Amino acid sequence: MMDIGRVCIKIAGRDAGETAVVIEKIDDNFVLVNGNVRRKRCNIKHLEPTEKFVAIQAGASTEELHKAMKEAGLEVKEKPKFDKEAKAPKSAKPAKAAAIKEVKPAKEAKPAKKVK
């Protein structure tokens, strides 16, 4: 039932509700999935198979899978590209040097009264 190329819907976990495609069959209970989910091993109990298939080879790369999904008319969610040259946002915390305030000397203690 969980053949390579089978389109499924994840029903449990972080990626629940997303479209996944079976890439490899690991054993009777686990398969390797990819697609609009993270590429990882998944329990077949956490997948709802559909009638759709995608024409891929076993162990296909993510790029090959996304191309085949587009050809099959399935929606592909692309992750945003990371721009290495983009500057990180400035922290809202003040710099340590500016955060240190001048410490005032403590008041001198009064001499204690002598008790008779």
Foldseek 3Di string as FASTA:
>chain_A
DQDFFWWWAFCDDPRHRDIWGFQADDDPFWTFIDFQDDTDIDGCVRIGTDPDGFDDHHPDDNVVVNVSCVVVVHDGDDDDDDDPPDDDDDDPDDDPVVPDDDDDDDDDDDDDDDDD
